[in-house]
C-alpha atoms as a PDB file:
ATOM      1  CA  MET A   1      94.016  86.596 115.234  1.00  0.00           C
ATOM      2  CA  ILE A   2      91.868  86.163 112.216  1.00  0.00           C
ATOM      3  CA  ILE A   3      92.937  84.998 108.881  1.00  0.00           C
ATOM      4  CA  ILE A   4      90.867  85.773 105.670  1.00  0.00           C
ATOM      5  CA  THR A   5      91.640  83.824 102.438  1.00  0.00           C
ATOM      6  CA  GLY A   6      89.832  84.156  99.052  1.00  0.00           C
ATOM      7  CA  LYS A   7      90.018  82.985  95.452  1.00  0.00           C
ATOM      8  CA  ILE A   8      88.632  85.108  92.577  1.00  0.00           C
ATOM      9  CA  LYS A   9      88.438  83.817  89.437  1.00  0.00           C
ATOM     10  CA  VAL A  10      88.047  86.373  86.659  1.00  0.00           C
ATOM     11  CA  GLN A  11      86.716  85.424  82.998  1.00  0.00           C
ATOM     12  CA  SER A  12      89.854  86.607  80.845  1.00  0.00           C
ATOM     13  CA  SER A  13      93.368  88.168  81.055  1.00  0.00           C
ATOM     14  CA  GLU A  14      91.111  91.157  79.768  1.00  0.00           C
ATOM     15  CA  GLU A  15      89.316  91.347  82.923  1.00  0.00           C
ATOM     16  CA  LEU A  16      92.214  90.514  84.646  1.00  0.00           C
ATOM     17  CA  SER A  17      93.855  94.227  83.716  1.00  0.00           C
ATOM     18  CA  ARG A  18      90.630  95.806  84.250  1.00  0.00           C
ATOM     19  CA  VAL A  19      90.602  94.890  87.645  1.00  0.00           C
ATOM     20  CA  LYS A  20      94.100  94.926  88.873  1.00  0.00           C
ATOM     21  CA  ASP A  21      94.901  98.539  89.823  1.00  0.00           C
ATOM     22  CA  ALA A  22      91.236  98.491  91.642  1.00  0.00           C
ATOM     23  CA  LEU A  23      92.527  95.924  93.663  1.00  0.00           C
ATOM     24  CA  ILE A  24      95.900  97.165  94.303  1.00  0.00           C
ATOM     25  CA  ARG A  25      94.103 100.769  95.875  1.00  0.00           C
ATOM     26  CA  ARG A  26      91.925  98.400  97.605  1.00  0.00           C
ATOM     27  CA  ALA A  27      95.263  96.350  99.372  1.00  0.00           C
ATOM     28  CA  ARG A  28      96.939  99.798  99.876  1.00  0.00           C
ATOM     29  CA  LYS A  29      93.922 101.287 101.745  1.00  0.00           C
ATOM     30  CA  SER A  30      93.144  98.269 103.940  1.00  0.00           C
ATOM     31  CA  ARG A  31      96.802  97.741 105.036  1.00  0.00           C
ATOM     32  CA  THR A  32      96.242 101.480 106.797  1.00  0.00           C
ATOM     33  CA  ASP A  33      93.125 100.235 108.862  1.00  0.00           C
ATOM     34  CA  ASN A  34      93.197  99.571 112.387  1.00  0.00           C
ATOM     35  CA  GLY A  35      94.335  95.942 113.303  1.00  0.00           C
ATOM     36  CA  ASN A  36      95.504  95.425 110.075  1.00  0.00           C
ATOM     37  CA  ILE A  37      98.649  92.671 110.091  1.00  0.00           C
ATOM     38  CA  GLU A  38      98.590  92.029 106.547  1.00  0.00           C
ATOM     39  CA  TYR A  39      96.449  92.582 103.461  1.00  0.00           C
ATOM     40  CA  ILE A  40      97.766  90.865  99.932  1.00  0.00           C
ATOM     41  CA  PHE A  41      96.330  90.271  96.463  1.00  0.00           C
ATOM     42  CA  SER A  42      98.499  87.861  94.441  1.00  0.00           C
ATOM     43  CA  GLN A  43      98.068  85.827  91.275  1.00  0.00           C
ATOM     44  CA  ASN A  44      97.988  82.106  90.741  1.00  0.00           C
ATOM     45  CA  LEU A  45     101.025  80.887  88.930  1.00  0.00           C
ATOM     46  CA  GLU A  46      99.279  78.043  87.321  1.00  0.00           C
ATOM     47  CA  ASP A  47      96.184  79.951  86.586  1.00  0.00           C
ATOM     48  CA  PRO A  48      96.697  83.748  85.829  1.00  0.00           C
ATOM     49  CA  THR A  49      93.044  84.798  86.000  1.00  0.00           C
ATOM     50  CA  GLU A  50      92.441  83.508  89.479  1.00  0.00           C
ATOM     51  CA  LEU A  51      93.605  85.990  91.920  1.00  0.00           C
ATOM     52  CA  ILE A  52      94.271  85.208  95.457  1.00  0.00           C
ATOM     53  CA  LEU A  53      93.387  87.455  98.778  1.00  0.00           C
ATOM     54  CA  THR A  54      95.192  86.663 101.966  1.00  0.00           C
ATOM     55  CA  GLU A  55      94.165  88.848 104.972  1.00  0.00           C
ATOM     56  CA  LYS A  56      95.376  89.074 108.609  1.00  0.00           C
ATOM     57  CA  TRP A  57      93.535  91.014 111.533  1.00  0.00           C
ATOM     58  CA  THR A  58      94.274  91.133 115.079  1.00  0.00           C
ATOM     59  CA  ASP A  59      90.956  90.408 116.124  1.00  0.00           C
ATOM     60  CA  GLU A  60      87.011  90.292 115.062  1.00  0.00           C
ATOM     61  CA  THR A  61      86.541  93.627 116.303  1.00  0.00           C
ATOM     62  CA  SER A  62      89.210  95.046 113.674  1.00  0.00           C
ATOM     63  CA  LEU A  63      87.897  93.356 110.852  1.00  0.00           C
ATOM     64  CA  GLN A  64      84.219  94.166 111.404  1.00  0.00           C
ATOM     65  CA  GLU A  65      85.672  97.978 111.577  1.00  0.00           C
ATOM     66  CA  HIS A  66      87.536  97.389 108.552  1.00  0.00           C
ATOM     67  CA  LEU A  67      84.438  95.676 106.643  1.00  0.00           C
ATOM     68  CA  ASP A  68      82.116  98.745 107.926  1.00  0.00           C
ATOM     69  CA  ILE A  69      84.418 101.518 105.832  1.00  0.00           C
ATOM     70  CA  PRO A  70      82.668 102.139 102.929  1.00  0.00           C
ATOM     71  CA  ASP A  71      84.896 101.392  99.791  1.00  0.00           C
ATOM     72  CA  GLU A  72      82.881 102.610  96.248  1.00  0.00           C
ATOM     73  CA  GLU A  73      85.180 101.086  93.601  1.00  0.00           C
ATOM     74  CA  PHE A  74      85.774  98.045  95.220  1.00  0.00           C
ATOM     75  CA  SER A  75      82.122  97.556  95.824  1.00  0.00           C
ATOM     76  CA  GLN A  76      81.207  98.473  92.038  1.00  0.00           C
ATOM     77  CA  LEU A  77      84.425  96.615  90.739  1.00  0.00           C
ATOM     78  CA  ILE A  78      82.814  93.247  92.815  1.00  0.00           C
ATOM     79  CA  SER A  79      79.637  94.048  91.444  1.00  0.00           C
ATOM     80  CA  SER A  80      80.710  95.005  88.023  1.00  0.00           C
ATOM     81  CA  ALA A  81      83.319  92.393  87.195  1.00  0.00           C
ATOM     82  CA  LEU A  82      83.276  89.232  85.121  1.00  0.00           C
ATOM     83  CA  ILE A  83      84.085  86.932  88.140  1.00  0.00           C
ATOM     84  CA  GLU A  84      83.166  83.063  87.264  1.00  0.00           C
ATOM     85  CA  ARG A  85      83.686  82.399  91.153  1.00  0.00           C
ATOM     86  CA  MET A  86      84.700  84.045  94.207  1.00  0.00           C
ATOM     87  CA  VAL A  87      85.464  82.573  97.522  1.00  0.00           C
ATOM     88  CA  VAL A  88      86.241  84.180 100.823  1.00  0.00           C
ATOM     89  CA  THR A  89      86.707  82.385 104.361  1.00  0.00           C
ATOM     90  CA  SER A  90      87.670  83.511 107.685  1.00  0.00           C
ATOM     91  CA  SER A  91      89.330  81.929 110.151  1.00  0.00           C
ATOM     92  CA  GLU A  92      90.399  82.408 114.110  1.00  0.00           C
ATOM     93  CA  MET A  93      93.808  81.215 114.825  1.00  0.00           C
ATOM     94  CA  THR A  94      95.400  81.265 118.638  1.00  0.00           C
ATOM     95  CA  ALA A  95      99.345  80.464 117.034  1.00  0.00           C
ATOM     96  CA  GLU A  96     101.349  81.163 114.428  1.00  0.00           C
ATOM     97  CA  ARG A  97     104.600  79.188 113.728  1.00  0.00           C
ATOM     98  CA  THR A  98     107.203  79.678 110.940  1.00  0.00           C
ATOM     99  CA  LEU A  99     107.909  76.666 109.133  1.00  0.00           C
ATOM    100  CA  LEU A 100     110.455  77.862 106.430  1.00  0.00           C
ATOM    101  CA  GLU A 101     112.850  81.061 106.519  1.00  0.00           C
ATOM    102  CA  ARG A 102     115.513  82.124 104.688  1.00  0.00           C
END
């Protein structure tokens, strides 16, 4: 399984409002891609201008196929948004275990 994690820090709450709908559309589209297990944008409770990305993919091939799908709206958003910093990383894991469930 491939795990993608990321943080996107935008410059203001106004900028957050501007990008939010596009990120929701990106997540909804990505969840339908082959090999997607999970695709979530969330908001940092301590810093509402920081968005957190979590993705899970069955394998590297599925992830690469996802990355190869053109998404003009998302590309334009990333290039035009007022972003202070953005980091996205990929990790490969062999097992997952539940630590807490209710």
